[in-house]
Protein backbone atom coordinates (compact mmCIF):
# COMPACT_ATOMS: atom_id res chain seq x y z
CA MET A 1 -13.04 -8.05 -8.08
CA LYS A 2 -11.11 -6.39 -10.90
CA ILE A 3 -7.31 -6.35 -11.23
CA LEU A 4 -5.30 -4.23 -13.66
CA VAL A 5 -2.04 -5.82 -14.86
CA VAL A 6 0.51 -3.42 -16.36
CA ASP A 7 3.73 -4.62 -18.03
CA ASP A 8 5.38 -3.95 -21.38
CA ASP A 9 6.16 -7.69 -21.62
CA LYS A 10 2.98 -9.18 -23.10
CA GLU A 11 3.98 -12.71 -22.08
CA ILE A 12 4.09 -11.68 -18.43
CA VAL A 13 0.72 -9.94 -18.72
CA GLU A 14 -0.83 -13.04 -20.27
CA LEU A 15 0.77 -15.38 -17.72
CA LEU A 16 -0.46 -13.38 -14.75
CA SER A 17 -3.88 -12.95 -16.35
CA ILE A 18 -4.32 -16.72 -16.52
CA TYR A 19 -3.48 -17.17 -12.85
CA ILE A 20 -5.64 -14.22 -11.77
CA GLN A 21 -8.65 -15.39 -13.80
CA ASN A 22 -8.25 -18.92 -12.45
CA GLU A 23 -8.82 -17.45 -8.98
CA GLY A 24 -12.09 -15.91 -10.12
CA TYR A 25 -10.98 -12.29 -10.57
CA GLU A 26 -11.57 -10.08 -13.60
CA VAL A 27 -8.49 -8.82 -15.45
CA GLU A 28 -7.78 -5.58 -17.28
CA LYS A 29 -4.52 -5.29 -19.24
CA ALA A 30 -2.19 -2.44 -20.13
CA TYR A 31 1.19 -2.59 -21.85
CA ASN A 32 2.65 0.83 -21.01
CA GLY A 33 2.30 3.60 -18.47
CA LYS A 34 0.06 5.89 -20.47
CA GLU A 35 -2.34 3.07 -21.28
CA ALA A 36 -2.44 2.17 -17.58
CA LEU A 37 -3.43 5.72 -16.61
CA THR A 38 -6.14 5.74 -19.27
CA LYS A 39 -7.55 2.46 -17.93
CA ILE A 40 -7.51 3.82 -14.37
CA LYS A 41 -9.48 6.89 -15.45
CA THR A 42 -12.02 5.12 -17.67
CA ILE A 43 -12.67 1.79 -15.94
CA LYS A 44 -14.65 1.87 -12.72
CA ASN A 45 -14.00 -0.21 -9.63
CA ILE A 46 -10.45 -1.45 -10.19
CA ASP A 47 -9.60 -3.14 -6.90
CA LEU A 48 -5.84 -3.65 -7.32
CA MET A 49 -3.05 -2.92 -9.78
CA VAL A 50 -0.03 -5.07 -10.59
CA LEU A 51 2.53 -2.63 -12.01
CA ASP A 52 5.91 -3.22 -13.64
CA VAL A 53 8.64 -0.72 -12.77
CA MET A 54 10.84 -0.93 -15.88
CA MET A 55 8.75 0.30 -18.80
CA PRO A 56 9.71 2.65 -21.66
CA ASN A 57 8.62 6.31 -21.81
CA MET A 58 6.72 6.29 -18.50
CA ASP A 59 8.06 3.89 -15.90
CA GLY A 60 6.12 2.30 -13.07
CA ASN A 61 7.19 4.79 -10.43
CA GLN A 62 5.87 7.66 -12.57
CA VAL A 63 2.58 5.83 -13.06
CA LEU A 64 2.42 5.19 -9.33
CA LYS A 65 2.82 8.87 -8.48
CA GLU A 66 0.04 9.83 -10.88
CA VAL A 67 -2.34 7.16 -9.57
CA ARG A 68 -1.70 8.16 -5.96
CA LYS A 69 -2.88 11.70 -6.70
CA GLU A 70 -6.40 10.31 -7.15
CA LEU A 71 -6.70 6.78 -5.78
CA GLN A 72 -5.58 4.68 -2.84
CA LEU A 73 -6.12 1.22 -4.35
CA PRO A 74 -3.54 -1.47 -3.44
CA ILE A 75 -0.57 -1.57 -5.83
CA LEU A 76 1.87 -4.46 -6.22
CA MET A 77 5.11 -3.54 -8.01
CA LEU A 78 7.08 -5.92 -10.27
CA SER A 79 10.71 -5.28 -11.15
CA ALA A 80 13.96 -6.91 -12.22
CA LYS A 81 15.66 -4.52 -9.77
CA THR A 82 16.27 -6.35 -6.51
CA THR A 83 18.39 -4.11 -4.29
CA ASP A 84 16.98 -2.73 -1.05
CA ILE A 85 17.33 0.81 -2.42
CA ASP A 86 15.10 -0.02 -5.38
CA LYS A 87 12.52 -1.64 -3.13
CA ILE A 88 12.51 1.29 -0.75
CA LYS A 89 12.10 3.74 -3.65
CA GLY A 90 9.00 1.88 -4.82
CA LEU A 91 7.53 1.69 -1.32
CA VAL A 92 8.21 5.34 -0.56
CA THR A 93 6.57 6.37 -3.83
CA GLY A 94 3.39 4.70 -2.60
CA ALA A 95 3.47 1.00 -3.53
CA ASP A 96 1.94 -1.47 -1.08
CA ASP A 97 4.17 -4.42 -1.89
CA TYR A 98 7.00 -5.47 -4.19
CA VAL A 99 7.95 -8.68 -6.05
CA ALA A 100 11.26 -9.10 -7.85
CA LYS A 101 11.57 -10.69 -11.28
CA PRO A 102 11.92 -13.50 -12.15
CA PHE A 103 9.00 -14.49 -9.96
CA ASN A 104 6.82 -17.49 -9.25
CA PRO A 105 3.25 -16.66 -10.35
CA LEU A 106 1.98 -18.41 -7.24
CA GLU A 107 3.93 -15.94 -5.09
CA VAL A 108 2.41 -13.03 -7.01
CA MET A 109 -1.05 -14.48 -6.44
CA ALA A 110 -0.35 -14.88 -2.73
CA ARG A 111 0.68 -11.20 -2.54
CA ILE A 112 -2.41 -10.13 -4.51
CA LYS A 113 -4.73 -12.07 -2.19
CA SER A 114 -2.99 -10.64 0.86
CA LEU A 115 -3.37 -7.05 -0.37
CA LEU A 116 -7.03 -7.61 -1.23
CA ARG A 117 -7.65 -9.12 2.20
CA ARG A 118 -5.83 -6.21 3.78
CA SER A 119 -7.95 -3.69 1.91
CA ASN A 120 -11.16 -5.52 2.78
CA TYR A 121 -10.06 -6.04 6.39
CA THR A 122 -9.40 -2.34 6.93
CA THR A 123 -12.79 -1.49 5.46
CA ASN A 124 -14.68 -4.00 7.61
CA MET A 125 -12.86 -3.95 10.95
CA GLU A 126 -15.24 -3.79 13.90
CA GLU A 127 -13.55 -0.68 15.24
CA PRO A 128 -14.69 2.94 15.54
CA ASN A 129 -15.35 4.50 12.16
CA LYS A 130 -13.85 7.85 13.18
CA LEU A 131 -10.82 8.50 15.35
CA GLU A 132 -9.22 11.74 16.45
CA VAL A 133 -5.55 11.43 17.33
CA GLY A 134 -3.71 14.64 18.13
CA PRO A 135 -3.84 16.72 14.95
CA LEU A 136 -5.38 13.93 12.85
CA LEU A 137 -8.92 12.91 11.97
CA ILE A 138 -9.13 9.31 10.72
CA GLU A 139 -12.15 7.82 8.93
CA LYS A 140 -12.14 4.04 8.49
CA GLU A 141 -14.86 3.60 5.86
CA SER A 142 -13.49 6.17 3.43
CA HIS A 143 -9.82 5.49 4.29
CA GLU A 144 -9.39 9.24 4.68
CA VAL A 145 -6.98 11.01 6.98
CA ARG A 146 -7.16 14.77 7.46
CA THR A 147 -5.57 17.28 9.77
CA ILE A 148 -7.76 19.25 12.16
CA ASN A 149 -7.27 22.13 9.70
CA GLY A 150 -8.89 20.08 6.94
CA GLU A 151 -5.81 19.13 4.93
CA PHE A 152 -6.13 15.70 3.32
CA ILE A 153 -3.17 13.30 3.77
CA GLN A 154 -2.82 10.75 0.97
CA LEU A 155 -1.89 7.32 2.33
CA THR A 156 -1.48 3.91 0.78
CA ALA A 157 -3.69 1.07 2.01
CA LEU A 158 -0.85 -0.29 4.14
CA GLU A 159 0.05 3.11 5.58
CA PHE A 160 -3.58 3.63 6.53
CA GLY A 161 -3.67 0.17 8.08
CA ILE A 162 -0.63 0.91 10.24
CA LEU A 163 -1.98 4.29 11.34
CA TYR A 164 -5.43 2.90 12.14
CA LEU A 165 -3.97 -0.05 14.07
CA LEU A 166 -1.85 2.20 16.27
CA ALA A 167 -4.49 4.93 16.65
CA SER A 168 -7.20 2.47 17.68
CA HIS A 169 -4.98 1.08 20.45
CA PRO A 170 -3.53 4.18 22.14
CA ASN A 171 -0.41 3.63 24.25
CA ARG A 172 -0.11 0.01 23.18
CA VAL A 173 3.28 -0.83 21.69
CA PHE A 174 3.22 -3.02 18.58
CA SER A 175 6.37 -4.78 17.46
CA ALA A 176 7.29 -4.80 13.76
CA ASP A 177 6.31 -8.48 13.63
CA GLU A 178 2.87 -7.75 15.10
CA ILE A 179 2.29 -4.86 12.70
CA PHE A 180 3.34 -7.00 9.74
CA GLU A 181 1.10 -9.90 10.72
CA ARG A 182 -1.95 -7.72 11.47
CA VAL A 183 -1.66 -5.22 8.61
CA TRP A 184 -0.14 -7.37 5.87
CA GLN A 185 -2.03 -10.42 7.17
CA GLN A 186 0.95 -12.65 6.52
CA GLU A 187 3.24 -14.52 8.85
CA SER A 188 6.28 -12.43 9.70
CA LEU A 189 9.40 -13.40 7.75
CA VAL A 190 11.65 -10.44 6.97
CA SER A 191 9.15 -7.87 8.17
CA ALA A 192 11.21 -5.46 10.27
CA LYS A 193 12.74 -3.49 7.40
CA THR A 194 9.49 -3.50 5.43
CA VAL A 195 7.54 -2.12 8.39
CA MET A 196 10.28 0.42 9.12
CA VAL A 197 10.08 1.81 5.57
CA HIS A 198 6.29 2.17 5.72
CA VAL A 199 6.32 3.75 9.19
CA SER A 200 9.05 6.17 8.12
CA HIS A 201 7.11 7.28 5.06
CA LEU A 202 3.89 7.53 7.10
CA ARG A 203 5.66 9.77 9.61
CA ASP A 204 7.02 11.97 6.83
CA LYS A 205 3.53 12.52 5.42
CA ILE A 206 2.04 13.30 8.83
CA GLU A 207 4.84 15.67 9.80
CA GLU A 208 4.68 17.49 6.47
CA ALA A 209 0.93 18.02 6.81
CA THR A 210 0.96 18.99 10.50
CA GLY A 211 4.03 21.16 10.71
CA GLY A 212 6.24 18.58 12.36
CA GLU A 213 3.90 16.81 14.80
CA LYS A 214 5.45 13.56 16.11
CA VAL A 215 2.34 11.37 16.20
CA ILE A 216 3.96 7.92 15.94
CA GLN A 217 6.49 7.14 18.66
CA THR A 218 9.30 4.60 18.53
CA VAL A 219 9.89 2.51 21.65
CA TRP A 220 13.45 1.43 20.99
CA GLY A 221 13.97 -2.31 20.94
CA VAL A 222 10.22 -2.94 21.20
CA GLY A 223 8.18 -1.29 18.45
CA TYR A 224 5.82 1.62 17.73
CA LYS A 225 2.89 3.30 19.42
CA ILE A 226 0.63 6.34 19.39
CA GLY A 227 0.21 7.84 22.84
CA GLU A 228 -2.98 9.31 24.24
CA ARG A 229 -3.23 13.09 24.08
């Protein structure tokens, strides 16, 4: 598997590259936003990107928006910003996870492995390849979601995982902890807010594409579900 590491701090790039290579992954490096976009366009089969937020000229959130126009690969954001607002901004833009600086490289590797497992898990789940839920058509193998009118809805890997989990178990209510453990494939720690942010953004995308359809339902005090239609 191939991982692209993007940070204007060359020492951080080199540090993470050592840890990533020690786990048997290939590494591509970029030191600014424009270089990262060039790598994405010219190098085939990048499986995950580690992306710094605070970079000159083109910051990580700008890079993220451009990448999401074309690709749905898992993206792990790095940033010295640690407030909830900053985290939520990164997640809403389309990041799959977020690690604050200064960080322990072992934690970054754990997040990378989790995102790669999540991406592989969603691709290989023994579930129906195609689902139709209300106004949505969901295809597991291609990670594509379209409306019945043919409009493509761009989702991150985690957003797709949440949608597929709920859609493949109609009327079953999943708590935030269950969603976190099954989609993120990590033990639940502080998952409720993280799940809430992803569900909220997923709802926004669905409602924008379908003219306001309320596909995902909240069962207050319990969790989330998609009802049969």
